[in-house]
N, C-alpha and C. Protein backbone atom coordinates (compact mmCIF):
# COMPACT_ATOMS: atom_id res chain seq x y z
N MET A 1 -27.17 -43.64 -3.37
CA MET A 1 -27.76 -42.55 -2.64
C MET A 1 -26.75 -42.00 -1.66
N LEU A 2 -26.66 -40.64 -1.57
CA LEU A 2 -25.72 -40.02 -0.66
C LEU A 2 -26.24 -40.12 0.76
N SER A 3 -25.36 -40.45 1.67
CA SER A 3 -25.77 -40.48 3.07
C SER A 3 -25.75 -39.07 3.63
N MET A 4 -26.49 -38.85 4.67
CA MET A 4 -26.50 -37.54 5.31
C MET A 4 -25.14 -37.31 5.94
N ALA A 5 -24.60 -36.11 5.76
CA ALA A 5 -23.30 -35.79 6.32
C ALA A 5 -23.41 -35.67 7.82
N THR A 6 -22.49 -36.27 8.49
CA THR A 6 -22.45 -36.10 9.94
C THR A 6 -21.35 -35.13 10.24
N LYS A 7 -21.55 -34.36 11.28
CA LYS A 7 -20.52 -33.41 11.68
C LYS A 7 -19.27 -34.19 12.06
N THR A 8 -18.15 -33.73 11.57
CA THR A 8 -16.90 -34.37 11.92
C THR A 8 -16.50 -33.87 13.30
N LYS A 9 -16.57 -34.75 14.28
CA LYS A 9 -16.22 -34.37 15.64
C LYS A 9 -14.76 -34.69 15.87
N PRO A 10 -14.06 -33.75 16.53
CA PRO A 10 -12.65 -34.01 16.80
C PRO A 10 -12.47 -35.20 17.71
N ARG A 11 -11.55 -36.07 17.35
CA ARG A 11 -11.19 -37.17 18.23
C ARG A 11 -10.26 -36.65 19.30
N LYS A 12 -10.22 -37.31 20.43
CA LYS A 12 -9.29 -36.89 21.48
C LYS A 12 -7.88 -36.97 20.93
N GLY A 13 -7.14 -35.90 21.12
CA GLY A 13 -5.76 -35.86 20.65
C GLY A 13 -5.62 -35.54 19.18
N ALA A 14 -6.73 -35.40 18.46
CA ALA A 14 -6.65 -35.09 17.03
C ALA A 14 -6.46 -33.59 16.84
N SER A 15 -5.63 -33.24 15.88
CA SER A 15 -5.38 -31.83 15.60
C SER A 15 -6.47 -31.29 14.69
N PRO A 16 -6.69 -29.94 14.69
CA PRO A 16 -7.68 -29.36 13.78
C PRO A 16 -7.37 -29.66 12.32
N GLU A 17 -6.06 -29.75 11.96
CA GLU A 17 -5.70 -30.05 10.58
C GLU A 17 -6.17 -31.45 10.21
N ARG A 18 -6.03 -32.38 11.15
CA ARG A 18 -6.46 -33.76 10.90
C ARG A 18 -7.97 -33.79 10.69
N ASP A 19 -8.71 -33.07 11.51
CA ASP A 19 -10.15 -33.02 11.34
C ASP A 19 -10.50 -32.42 9.98
N GLU A 20 -9.75 -31.43 9.56
CA GLU A 20 -9.98 -30.83 8.26
C GLU A 20 -9.72 -31.84 7.15
N GLU A 21 -8.68 -32.62 7.29
CA GLU A 21 -8.38 -33.65 6.29
C GLU A 21 -9.53 -34.63 6.16
N GLY A 22 -10.10 -35.04 7.28
CA GLY A 22 -11.24 -35.96 7.25
C GLY A 22 -12.45 -35.33 6.58
N LEU A 23 -12.68 -34.06 6.87
CA LEU A 23 -13.81 -33.36 6.26
C LEU A 23 -13.60 -33.22 4.75
N ILE A 24 -12.38 -32.97 4.34
CA ILE A 24 -12.07 -32.86 2.90
C ILE A 24 -12.30 -34.20 2.21
N ARG A 25 -11.84 -35.29 2.84
CA ARG A 25 -12.08 -36.62 2.25
C ARG A 25 -13.58 -36.88 2.11
N GLN A 26 -14.34 -36.54 3.13
CA GLN A 26 -15.78 -36.75 3.11
C GLN A 26 -16.43 -35.86 2.03
N ALA A 27 -15.94 -34.62 1.91
CA ALA A 27 -16.52 -33.66 0.95
C ALA A 27 -16.32 -34.10 -0.50
N LYS A 28 -15.34 -34.94 -0.75
CA LYS A 28 -15.13 -35.42 -2.11
C LYS A 28 -16.31 -36.25 -2.61
N PHE A 29 -17.09 -36.78 -1.66
CA PHE A 29 -18.23 -37.63 -2.02
C PHE A 29 -19.57 -37.09 -1.52
N ASP A 30 -19.51 -36.11 -0.61
CA ASP A 30 -20.72 -35.63 0.05
C ASP A 30 -20.82 -34.11 -0.04
N PRO A 31 -21.73 -33.58 -0.84
CA PRO A 31 -21.87 -32.13 -0.99
C PRO A 31 -22.15 -31.40 0.33
N GLN A 32 -22.82 -32.06 1.27
CA GLN A 32 -23.09 -31.41 2.55
C GLN A 32 -21.79 -31.18 3.32
N ALA A 33 -20.85 -32.08 3.21
CA ALA A 33 -19.55 -31.89 3.86
C ALA A 33 -18.81 -30.73 3.21
N PHE A 34 -18.96 -30.61 1.87
CA PHE A 34 -18.35 -29.46 1.21
C PHE A 34 -18.98 -28.17 1.73
N GLY A 35 -20.27 -28.21 2.02
CA GLY A 35 -20.96 -27.06 2.59
C GLY A 35 -20.33 -26.61 3.90
N GLU A 36 -19.84 -27.56 4.69
CA GLU A 36 -19.14 -27.20 5.93
C GLU A 36 -17.82 -26.49 5.62
N LEU A 37 -17.12 -26.97 4.62
CA LEU A 37 -15.88 -26.29 4.21
C LEU A 37 -16.19 -24.89 3.70
N TYR A 38 -17.26 -24.78 2.93
CA TYR A 38 -17.70 -23.48 2.41
C TYR A 38 -17.97 -22.52 3.57
N GLU A 39 -18.73 -22.95 4.54
CA GLU A 39 -19.05 -22.10 5.69
C GLU A 39 -17.80 -21.72 6.48
N ARG A 40 -16.84 -22.61 6.52
CA ARG A 40 -15.61 -22.37 7.27
C ARG A 40 -14.76 -21.28 6.61
N TYR A 41 -14.79 -21.19 5.27
CA TYR A 41 -13.86 -20.31 4.56
C TYR A 41 -14.49 -19.18 3.76
N ILE A 42 -15.79 -19.11 3.66
CA ILE A 42 -16.44 -18.12 2.79
C ILE A 42 -16.06 -16.69 3.16
N LYS A 43 -16.09 -16.34 4.43
CA LYS A 43 -15.80 -14.96 4.83
C LYS A 43 -14.36 -14.58 4.52
N LYS A 44 -13.43 -15.48 4.77
CA LYS A 44 -12.02 -15.18 4.53
C LYS A 44 -11.74 -15.00 3.04
N ILE A 45 -12.29 -15.87 2.22
CA ILE A 45 -12.06 -15.77 0.77
C ILE A 45 -12.74 -14.52 0.21
N TYR A 46 -13.96 -14.25 0.68
CA TYR A 46 -14.66 -13.05 0.22
C TYR A 46 -13.86 -11.79 0.58
N THR A 47 -13.41 -11.71 1.83
CA THR A 47 -12.65 -10.53 2.28
C THR A 47 -11.38 -10.36 1.44
N TYR A 48 -10.68 -11.45 1.20
CA TYR A 48 -9.47 -11.40 0.38
C TYR A 48 -9.79 -10.84 -1.01
N ILE A 49 -10.82 -11.37 -1.63
CA ILE A 49 -11.17 -10.94 -2.98
C ILE A 49 -11.67 -9.49 -2.97
N TYR A 50 -12.48 -9.15 -1.98
CA TYR A 50 -13.01 -7.78 -1.92
C TYR A 50 -11.87 -6.76 -1.85
N TYR A 51 -10.86 -7.02 -1.03
CA TYR A 51 -9.75 -6.08 -0.94
C TYR A 51 -8.92 -6.04 -2.22
N ARG A 52 -8.96 -7.09 -2.99
CA ARG A 52 -8.23 -7.09 -4.25
C ARG A 52 -8.99 -6.35 -5.35
N VAL A 53 -10.34 -6.48 -5.39
CA VAL A 53 -11.10 -5.88 -6.49
C VAL A 53 -11.82 -4.60 -6.09
N GLY A 54 -12.12 -4.42 -4.80
CA GLY A 54 -12.71 -3.17 -4.32
C GLY A 54 -14.16 -2.95 -4.69
N ASN A 55 -14.87 -3.99 -5.07
CA ASN A 55 -16.26 -3.84 -5.48
C ASN A 55 -17.04 -5.04 -4.95
N GLN A 56 -18.11 -4.76 -4.22
CA GLN A 56 -18.87 -5.81 -3.55
C GLN A 56 -19.47 -6.82 -4.54
N ALA A 57 -20.09 -6.33 -5.60
CA ALA A 57 -20.73 -7.24 -6.56
C ALA A 57 -19.71 -8.16 -7.22
N ASP A 58 -18.59 -7.60 -7.64
CA ASP A 58 -17.55 -8.42 -8.28
C ASP A 58 -16.94 -9.39 -7.27
N ALA A 59 -16.74 -8.94 -6.04
CA ALA A 59 -16.18 -9.81 -5.00
C ALA A 59 -17.12 -10.99 -4.73
N GLU A 60 -18.41 -10.72 -4.67
CA GLU A 60 -19.38 -11.80 -4.45
C GLU A 60 -19.35 -12.79 -5.62
N ASP A 61 -19.33 -12.26 -6.83
CA ASP A 61 -19.31 -13.12 -8.02
C ASP A 61 -18.05 -13.97 -8.05
N LEU A 62 -16.90 -13.36 -7.83
CA LEU A 62 -15.64 -14.10 -7.87
C LEU A 62 -15.57 -15.12 -6.74
N THR A 63 -16.07 -14.77 -5.57
CA THR A 63 -16.07 -15.70 -4.45
C THR A 63 -16.90 -16.94 -4.79
N SER A 64 -18.06 -16.72 -5.38
CA SER A 64 -18.89 -17.88 -5.74
C SER A 64 -18.18 -18.74 -6.78
N ARG A 65 -17.47 -18.11 -7.69
CA ARG A 65 -16.74 -18.88 -8.71
C ARG A 65 -15.58 -19.66 -8.10
N VAL A 66 -14.94 -19.09 -7.07
CA VAL A 66 -13.86 -19.81 -6.39
C VAL A 66 -14.39 -21.10 -5.79
N PHE A 67 -15.53 -21.02 -5.11
CA PHE A 67 -16.07 -22.21 -4.47
C PHE A 67 -16.66 -23.19 -5.48
N GLN A 68 -17.17 -22.68 -6.59
CA GLN A 68 -17.62 -23.58 -7.67
C GLN A 68 -16.44 -24.38 -8.19
N LYS A 69 -15.36 -23.68 -8.46
CA LYS A 69 -14.17 -24.34 -8.99
C LYS A 69 -13.60 -25.33 -7.98
N ALA A 70 -13.58 -24.94 -6.71
CA ALA A 70 -13.08 -25.84 -5.67
C ALA A 70 -13.95 -27.09 -5.60
N PHE A 71 -15.26 -26.93 -5.68
CA PHE A 71 -16.17 -28.06 -5.62
C PHE A 71 -15.93 -29.02 -6.78
N VAL A 72 -15.78 -28.47 -7.97
CA VAL A 72 -15.58 -29.29 -9.17
C VAL A 72 -14.25 -30.03 -9.10
N HIS A 73 -13.21 -29.37 -8.59
CA HIS A 73 -11.87 -29.96 -8.61
C HIS A 73 -11.49 -30.65 -7.30
N LEU A 74 -12.39 -30.66 -6.33
CA LEU A 74 -12.08 -31.29 -5.04
C LEU A 74 -11.71 -32.76 -5.16
N PRO A 75 -12.35 -33.54 -6.03
CA PRO A 75 -11.94 -34.95 -6.13
C PRO A 75 -10.45 -35.13 -6.47
N GLY A 76 -9.86 -34.17 -7.17
CA GLY A 76 -8.44 -34.26 -7.51
C GLY A 76 -7.52 -33.61 -6.48
N TYR A 77 -8.09 -33.00 -5.46
CA TYR A 77 -7.28 -32.32 -4.43
C TYR A 77 -6.52 -33.36 -3.61
N GLU A 78 -5.25 -33.10 -3.40
CA GLU A 78 -4.43 -33.96 -2.55
C GLU A 78 -3.76 -33.11 -1.49
N HIS A 79 -3.87 -33.53 -0.25
CA HIS A 79 -3.25 -32.79 0.86
C HIS A 79 -1.73 -32.87 0.71
N GLN A 80 -1.08 -31.70 0.74
CA GLN A 80 0.37 -31.67 0.56
C GLN A 80 1.06 -30.97 1.73
N GLY A 81 0.43 -31.05 2.90
CA GLY A 81 1.04 -30.46 4.09
C GLY A 81 0.67 -29.01 4.31
N LEU A 82 -0.06 -28.41 3.39
CA LEU A 82 -0.51 -27.03 3.54
C LEU A 82 -1.98 -27.02 3.94
N PRO A 83 -2.42 -25.95 4.60
CA PRO A 83 -3.84 -25.89 4.94
C PRO A 83 -4.71 -25.86 3.68
N PHE A 84 -5.93 -26.35 3.80
CA PHE A 84 -6.89 -26.33 2.70
C PHE A 84 -7.10 -24.90 2.22
N SER A 85 -7.05 -23.96 3.14
CA SER A 85 -7.26 -22.55 2.78
C SER A 85 -6.20 -22.08 1.78
N ALA A 86 -4.99 -22.63 1.84
CA ALA A 86 -3.95 -22.22 0.89
C ALA A 86 -4.39 -22.55 -0.54
N TRP A 87 -5.04 -23.69 -0.72
CA TRP A 87 -5.55 -24.08 -2.04
C TRP A 87 -6.65 -23.11 -2.47
N LEU A 88 -7.55 -22.77 -1.55
CA LEU A 88 -8.63 -21.83 -1.88
C LEU A 88 -8.07 -20.45 -2.22
N TYR A 89 -7.09 -19.98 -1.45
CA TYR A 89 -6.49 -18.67 -1.75
C TYR A 89 -5.79 -18.69 -3.11
N ARG A 90 -5.19 -19.80 -3.48
CA ARG A 90 -4.53 -19.90 -4.78
C ARG A 90 -5.58 -19.81 -5.89
N ILE A 91 -6.71 -20.49 -5.72
CA ILE A 91 -7.80 -20.40 -6.70
C ILE A 91 -8.29 -18.95 -6.77
N ALA A 92 -8.47 -18.32 -5.59
CA ALA A 92 -8.95 -16.93 -5.54
C ALA A 92 -7.95 -16.00 -6.23
N HIS A 93 -6.67 -16.20 -5.96
CA HIS A 93 -5.64 -15.38 -6.59
C HIS A 93 -5.73 -15.47 -8.12
N ASN A 94 -5.87 -16.69 -8.63
CA ASN A 94 -5.97 -16.88 -10.08
C ASN A 94 -7.23 -16.25 -10.64
N MET A 95 -8.34 -16.37 -9.92
CA MET A 95 -9.60 -15.76 -10.37
C MET A 95 -9.46 -14.24 -10.45
N VAL A 96 -8.84 -13.64 -9.45
CA VAL A 96 -8.65 -12.19 -9.43
C VAL A 96 -7.73 -11.76 -10.57
N ALA A 97 -6.67 -12.52 -10.79
CA ALA A 97 -5.75 -12.19 -11.90
C ALA A 97 -6.49 -12.23 -13.23
N ASN A 98 -7.30 -13.24 -13.44
CA ASN A 98 -8.10 -13.33 -14.67
C ASN A 98 -9.10 -12.18 -14.76
N TRP A 99 -9.71 -11.83 -13.64
CA TRP A 99 -10.68 -10.74 -13.60
C TRP A 99 -10.00 -9.42 -14.01
N TYR A 100 -8.80 -9.15 -13.46
CA TYR A 100 -8.09 -7.93 -13.83
C TYR A 100 -7.72 -7.92 -15.30
N ARG A 101 -7.31 -9.06 -15.82
CA ARG A 101 -6.97 -9.13 -17.25
C ARG A 101 -8.21 -8.81 -18.08
N ASP A 102 -9.36 -9.37 -17.70
CA ASP A 102 -10.60 -9.08 -18.41
C ASP A 102 -11.01 -7.62 -18.26
N GLN A 103 -10.84 -7.05 -17.06
CA GLN A 103 -11.23 -5.66 -16.80
C GLN A 103 -10.36 -4.68 -17.56
N SER A 104 -9.12 -5.04 -17.82
CA SER A 104 -8.23 -4.11 -18.53
C SER A 104 -8.71 -3.88 -19.96
N ARG A 105 -9.55 -4.77 -20.43
CA ARG A 105 -10.09 -4.64 -21.78
C ARG A 105 -11.28 -3.70 -21.84
N ARG A 106 -11.94 -3.48 -20.67
CA ARG A 106 -13.09 -2.56 -20.62
C ARG A 106 -13.16 -1.91 -19.25
N LYS A 107 -13.56 -0.68 -19.23
CA LYS A 107 -13.67 0.06 -17.96
C LYS A 107 -15.14 0.32 -17.68
N VAL A 108 -15.61 -0.17 -16.53
CA VAL A 108 -16.99 0.01 -16.11
C VAL A 108 -16.99 0.59 -14.71
N VAL A 109 -17.76 1.63 -14.50
CA VAL A 109 -17.89 2.22 -13.18
C VAL A 109 -19.25 1.80 -12.64
N GLY A 110 -19.24 1.09 -11.51
CA GLY A 110 -20.48 0.62 -10.92
C GLY A 110 -21.28 1.78 -10.34
N LEU A 111 -22.59 1.62 -10.31
CA LEU A 111 -23.46 2.65 -9.78
C LEU A 111 -23.17 2.93 -8.31
N ASP A 112 -22.90 1.88 -7.54
CA ASP A 112 -22.62 2.10 -6.12
C ASP A 112 -21.33 2.88 -5.93
N GLU A 113 -20.36 2.69 -6.80
CA GLU A 113 -19.10 3.43 -6.70
C GLU A 113 -19.30 4.89 -7.09
N ALA A 114 -20.13 5.14 -8.08
CA ALA A 114 -20.33 6.49 -8.59
C ALA A 114 -21.17 7.35 -7.65
N THR A 115 -22.03 6.73 -6.86
CA THR A 115 -22.94 7.50 -6.02
C THR A 115 -22.62 7.43 -4.53
N ARG A 116 -21.52 6.79 -4.16
CA ARG A 116 -21.18 6.62 -2.76
C ARG A 116 -20.89 7.98 -2.10
N HIS A 117 -21.58 8.28 -1.00
CA HIS A 117 -21.32 9.47 -0.21
C HIS A 117 -21.95 9.32 1.16
N SER A 118 -21.57 10.18 2.10
CA SER A 118 -22.10 10.12 3.45
C SER A 118 -22.83 11.42 3.77
N THR A 119 -24.02 11.29 4.37
CA THR A 119 -24.80 12.48 4.72
C THR A 119 -24.60 12.87 6.18
N GLU A 120 -23.86 12.06 6.95
CA GLU A 120 -23.70 12.31 8.37
C GLU A 120 -22.52 13.21 8.71
N GLU A 121 -21.66 13.49 7.77
CA GLU A 121 -20.49 14.29 8.07
C GLU A 121 -20.35 15.41 7.05
N GLU A 122 -19.47 16.33 7.36
CA GLU A 122 -19.26 17.46 6.47
C GLU A 122 -18.72 16.96 5.13
N PRO A 123 -19.22 17.51 4.05
CA PRO A 123 -18.80 17.05 2.73
C PRO A 123 -17.28 17.16 2.51
N GLY A 124 -16.65 18.19 3.05
CA GLY A 124 -15.22 18.38 2.86
C GLY A 124 -14.41 17.27 3.48
N SER A 125 -14.72 16.91 4.74
CA SER A 125 -13.94 15.87 5.41
C SER A 125 -14.23 14.50 4.82
N ALA A 126 -15.48 14.26 4.44
CA ALA A 126 -15.82 12.98 3.81
C ALA A 126 -15.11 12.86 2.47
N ALA A 127 -15.09 13.92 1.72
CA ALA A 127 -14.43 13.90 0.41
C ALA A 127 -12.93 13.70 0.58
N GLU A 128 -12.36 14.34 1.60
CA GLU A 128 -10.93 14.20 1.85
C GLU A 128 -10.57 12.76 2.22
N ARG A 129 -11.36 12.15 3.11
CA ARG A 129 -11.11 10.77 3.51
C ARG A 129 -11.31 9.82 2.33
N THR A 130 -12.33 10.08 1.53
CA THR A 130 -12.57 9.24 0.36
C THR A 130 -11.40 9.35 -0.61
N ALA A 131 -10.91 10.56 -0.81
CA ALA A 131 -9.77 10.76 -1.71
C ALA A 131 -8.52 10.04 -1.19
N GLU A 132 -8.29 10.12 0.13
CA GLU A 132 -7.14 9.44 0.72
C GLU A 132 -7.26 7.93 0.56
N ARG A 133 -8.45 7.41 0.83
CA ARG A 133 -8.69 5.96 0.71
C ARG A 133 -8.49 5.51 -0.72
N GLU A 134 -9.04 6.28 -1.65
CA GLU A 134 -8.90 5.92 -3.07
C GLU A 134 -7.45 5.99 -3.52
N MET A 135 -6.70 6.99 -3.03
CA MET A 135 -5.29 7.10 -3.38
C MET A 135 -4.53 5.88 -2.87
N LEU A 136 -4.80 5.49 -1.61
CA LEU A 136 -4.10 4.35 -1.02
C LEU A 136 -4.46 3.06 -1.75
N LEU A 137 -5.72 2.85 -2.06
CA LEU A 137 -6.12 1.65 -2.79
C LEU A 137 -5.50 1.63 -4.19
N LYS A 138 -5.43 2.80 -4.82
CA LYS A 138 -4.81 2.90 -6.15
C LYS A 138 -3.33 2.51 -6.07
N ILE A 139 -2.65 2.98 -5.03
CA ILE A 139 -1.23 2.65 -4.85
C ILE A 139 -1.08 1.15 -4.59
N ILE A 140 -1.93 0.60 -3.72
CA ILE A 140 -1.84 -0.82 -3.38
C ILE A 140 -2.10 -1.68 -4.61
N ARG A 141 -3.04 -1.29 -5.43
CA ARG A 141 -3.37 -2.09 -6.62
C ARG A 141 -2.26 -2.05 -7.67
N LYS A 142 -1.33 -1.10 -7.54
CA LYS A 142 -0.19 -1.05 -8.46
C LYS A 142 0.97 -1.94 -7.98
N LEU A 143 0.87 -2.43 -6.75
CA LEU A 143 1.90 -3.32 -6.22
C LEU A 143 1.83 -4.67 -6.93
N SER A 144 2.90 -5.43 -6.83
CA SER A 144 2.88 -6.78 -7.39
C SER A 144 1.83 -7.61 -6.66
N ALA A 145 1.41 -8.67 -7.29
CA ALA A 145 0.38 -9.55 -6.70
C ALA A 145 0.83 -10.10 -5.35
N ASP A 146 2.11 -10.49 -5.22
CA ASP A 146 2.61 -11.02 -3.94
C ASP A 146 2.51 -9.98 -2.84
N LYS A 147 2.87 -8.73 -3.16
CA LYS A 147 2.82 -7.67 -2.15
C LYS A 147 1.37 -7.37 -1.75
N GLN A 148 0.46 -7.37 -2.71
CA GLN A 148 -0.95 -7.17 -2.39
C GLN A 148 -1.45 -8.28 -1.49
N GLN A 149 -1.08 -9.52 -1.82
CA GLN A 149 -1.53 -10.65 -1.02
C GLN A 149 -1.03 -10.54 0.42
N VAL A 150 0.22 -10.18 0.59
CA VAL A 150 0.78 -10.07 1.94
C VAL A 150 0.01 -9.02 2.74
N LEU A 151 -0.25 -7.87 2.14
CA LEU A 151 -0.99 -6.82 2.85
C LEU A 151 -2.40 -7.28 3.23
N ILE A 152 -3.09 -7.90 2.31
CA ILE A 152 -4.46 -8.34 2.57
C ILE A 152 -4.48 -9.42 3.63
N LEU A 153 -3.61 -10.41 3.50
CA LEU A 153 -3.60 -11.50 4.47
C LEU A 153 -3.17 -11.01 5.85
N LYS A 154 -2.27 -10.03 5.90
CA LYS A 154 -1.78 -9.51 7.18
C LYS A 154 -2.82 -8.58 7.83
N PHE A 155 -3.31 -7.60 7.09
CA PHE A 155 -4.18 -6.59 7.68
C PHE A 155 -5.66 -6.93 7.64
N ALA A 156 -6.13 -7.44 6.54
CA ALA A 156 -7.56 -7.74 6.43
C ALA A 156 -7.92 -9.06 7.11
N GLU A 157 -7.04 -10.04 6.98
CA GLU A 157 -7.34 -11.36 7.54
C GLU A 157 -6.69 -11.59 8.91
N GLY A 158 -5.65 -10.82 9.23
CA GLY A 158 -5.00 -10.96 10.53
C GLY A 158 -4.12 -12.20 10.67
N TYR A 159 -3.65 -12.73 9.55
CA TYR A 159 -2.80 -13.92 9.61
C TYR A 159 -1.39 -13.57 10.09
N SER A 160 -0.75 -14.53 10.74
CA SER A 160 0.64 -14.37 11.16
C SER A 160 1.54 -14.60 9.94
N ASN A 161 2.82 -14.26 10.09
CA ASN A 161 3.77 -14.46 9.00
C ASN A 161 3.90 -15.94 8.65
N THR A 162 3.83 -16.80 9.67
CA THR A 162 3.92 -18.24 9.43
C THR A 162 2.72 -18.72 8.61
N GLU A 163 1.52 -18.26 8.96
CA GLU A 163 0.32 -18.65 8.23
C GLU A 163 0.36 -18.12 6.80
N ILE A 164 0.81 -16.87 6.63
CA ILE A 164 0.93 -16.30 5.29
C ILE A 164 1.92 -17.11 4.47
N GLY A 165 3.01 -17.50 5.10
CA GLY A 165 4.00 -18.33 4.41
C GLY A 165 3.41 -19.63 3.91
N SER A 166 2.57 -20.26 4.73
CA SER A 166 1.91 -21.51 4.32
C SER A 166 1.00 -21.28 3.12
N ILE A 167 0.26 -20.19 3.15
CA ILE A 167 -0.67 -19.89 2.07
C ILE A 167 0.07 -19.58 0.77
N LEU A 168 1.15 -18.80 0.88
CA LEU A 168 1.88 -18.38 -0.32
C LEU A 168 2.98 -19.35 -0.73
N GLY A 169 3.24 -20.35 0.11
CA GLY A 169 4.31 -21.29 -0.21
C GLY A 169 5.69 -20.68 -0.04
N LYS A 170 5.83 -19.80 0.97
CA LYS A 170 7.11 -19.14 1.24
C LYS A 170 7.50 -19.38 2.70
N SER A 171 8.76 -19.19 3.01
CA SER A 171 9.20 -19.32 4.39
C SER A 171 8.75 -18.09 5.19
N GLU A 172 8.75 -18.22 6.50
CA GLU A 172 8.37 -17.09 7.35
C GLU A 172 9.32 -15.91 7.13
N GLY A 173 10.60 -16.20 6.97
CA GLY A 173 11.58 -15.14 6.72
C GLY A 173 11.33 -14.42 5.40
N ALA A 174 10.95 -15.18 4.37
CA ALA A 174 10.65 -14.56 3.08
C ALA A 174 9.42 -13.66 3.19
N VAL A 175 8.44 -14.08 3.98
CA VAL A 175 7.24 -13.26 4.18
C VAL A 175 7.60 -11.97 4.91
N LYS A 176 8.42 -12.08 5.97
CA LYS A 176 8.84 -10.88 6.72
C LYS A 176 9.56 -9.90 5.80
N SER A 177 10.44 -10.42 4.98
CA SER A 177 11.19 -9.58 4.05
C SER A 177 10.27 -8.91 3.04
N LEU A 178 9.35 -9.68 2.47
CA LEU A 178 8.40 -9.15 1.50
C LEU A 178 7.52 -8.09 2.14
N TYR A 179 7.06 -8.36 3.35
CA TYR A 179 6.22 -7.43 4.10
C TYR A 179 6.97 -6.11 4.35
N HIS A 180 8.21 -6.21 4.77
CA HIS A 180 9.03 -5.02 5.05
C HIS A 180 9.24 -4.20 3.77
N ARG A 181 9.61 -4.86 2.68
CA ARG A 181 9.82 -4.16 1.40
C ARG A 181 8.53 -3.50 0.92
N THR A 182 7.41 -4.17 1.15
CA THR A 182 6.11 -3.64 0.74
C THR A 182 5.79 -2.36 1.50
N LEU A 183 6.00 -2.38 2.80
CA LEU A 183 5.71 -1.18 3.61
C LEU A 183 6.63 -0.02 3.23
N LEU A 184 7.89 -0.32 2.97
CA LEU A 184 8.81 0.74 2.54
C LEU A 184 8.36 1.34 1.20
N GLN A 185 7.96 0.48 0.27
CA GLN A 185 7.49 0.96 -1.03
C GLN A 185 6.22 1.79 -0.88
N LEU A 186 5.31 1.35 -0.04
CA LEU A 186 4.07 2.11 0.19
C LEU A 186 4.38 3.48 0.77
N ARG A 187 5.23 3.52 1.79
CA ARG A 187 5.58 4.79 2.42
C ARG A 187 6.20 5.75 1.41
N GLU A 188 7.14 5.23 0.64
CA GLU A 188 7.82 6.05 -0.37
C GLU A 188 6.83 6.60 -1.40
N THR A 189 5.92 5.76 -1.86
CA THR A 189 4.95 6.17 -2.88
C THR A 189 3.95 7.18 -2.32
N VAL A 190 3.48 6.97 -1.09
CA VAL A 190 2.55 7.90 -0.46
C VAL A 190 3.21 9.26 -0.27
N GLU A 191 4.43 9.26 0.23
CA GLU A 191 5.16 10.52 0.43
C GLU A 191 5.36 11.25 -0.88
N LYS A 192 5.69 10.52 -1.92
CA LYS A 192 5.89 11.12 -3.24
C LYS A 192 4.59 11.74 -3.73
N ASN A 193 3.47 11.03 -3.57
CA ASN A 193 2.16 11.56 -4.01
C ASN A 193 1.76 12.79 -3.21
N GLN A 194 2.09 12.83 -1.93
CA GLN A 194 1.74 13.98 -1.09
C GLN A 194 2.58 15.20 -1.45
N ASN A 195 3.80 14.97 -1.93
CA ASN A 195 4.68 16.09 -2.30
C ASN A 195 4.36 16.63 -3.69
N ASP A 196 3.69 15.85 -4.50
CA ASP A 196 3.36 16.29 -5.87
C ASP A 196 2.19 17.24 -5.89
């Protein structure tokens, strides 16, 4: 019989990473402890996926699949000096890549995407902003997966370069370089589209 999960309380002098390690060990045997990990990371993983796929229903579905997969494979998880979130982001990245591969085989326009509009503002300005947003998202989605990840983790999640490096398995300098090249590519592509 499973025992009731107790909240993992930080010990004096214990780091948050250490507390996370204890919670992960407990979650391997206790679904309620996994629930705590789920609550800790659900918003971040959902936001990451949503910015990658741009559709609420698909983002929700993929997010649930990420946590299902994490739950199933948690017994085999071994701490390797990276935050637990890095493992979750890697699972999310792979799920999104598979989703795009599947989507390339069929094109479906969701009802919410087809009917989205605002009644509070002038149709011209709303349409212009929507067109700009769609153009930018279209450009971002054409970037490599690493560049998309850097943008999402930096702007949507607010992570530092060091944290992004931990998640992506890169040095802080490599993240800075990738971030800089990404912004230059975005600027160049946006300017080109505006001139066309």
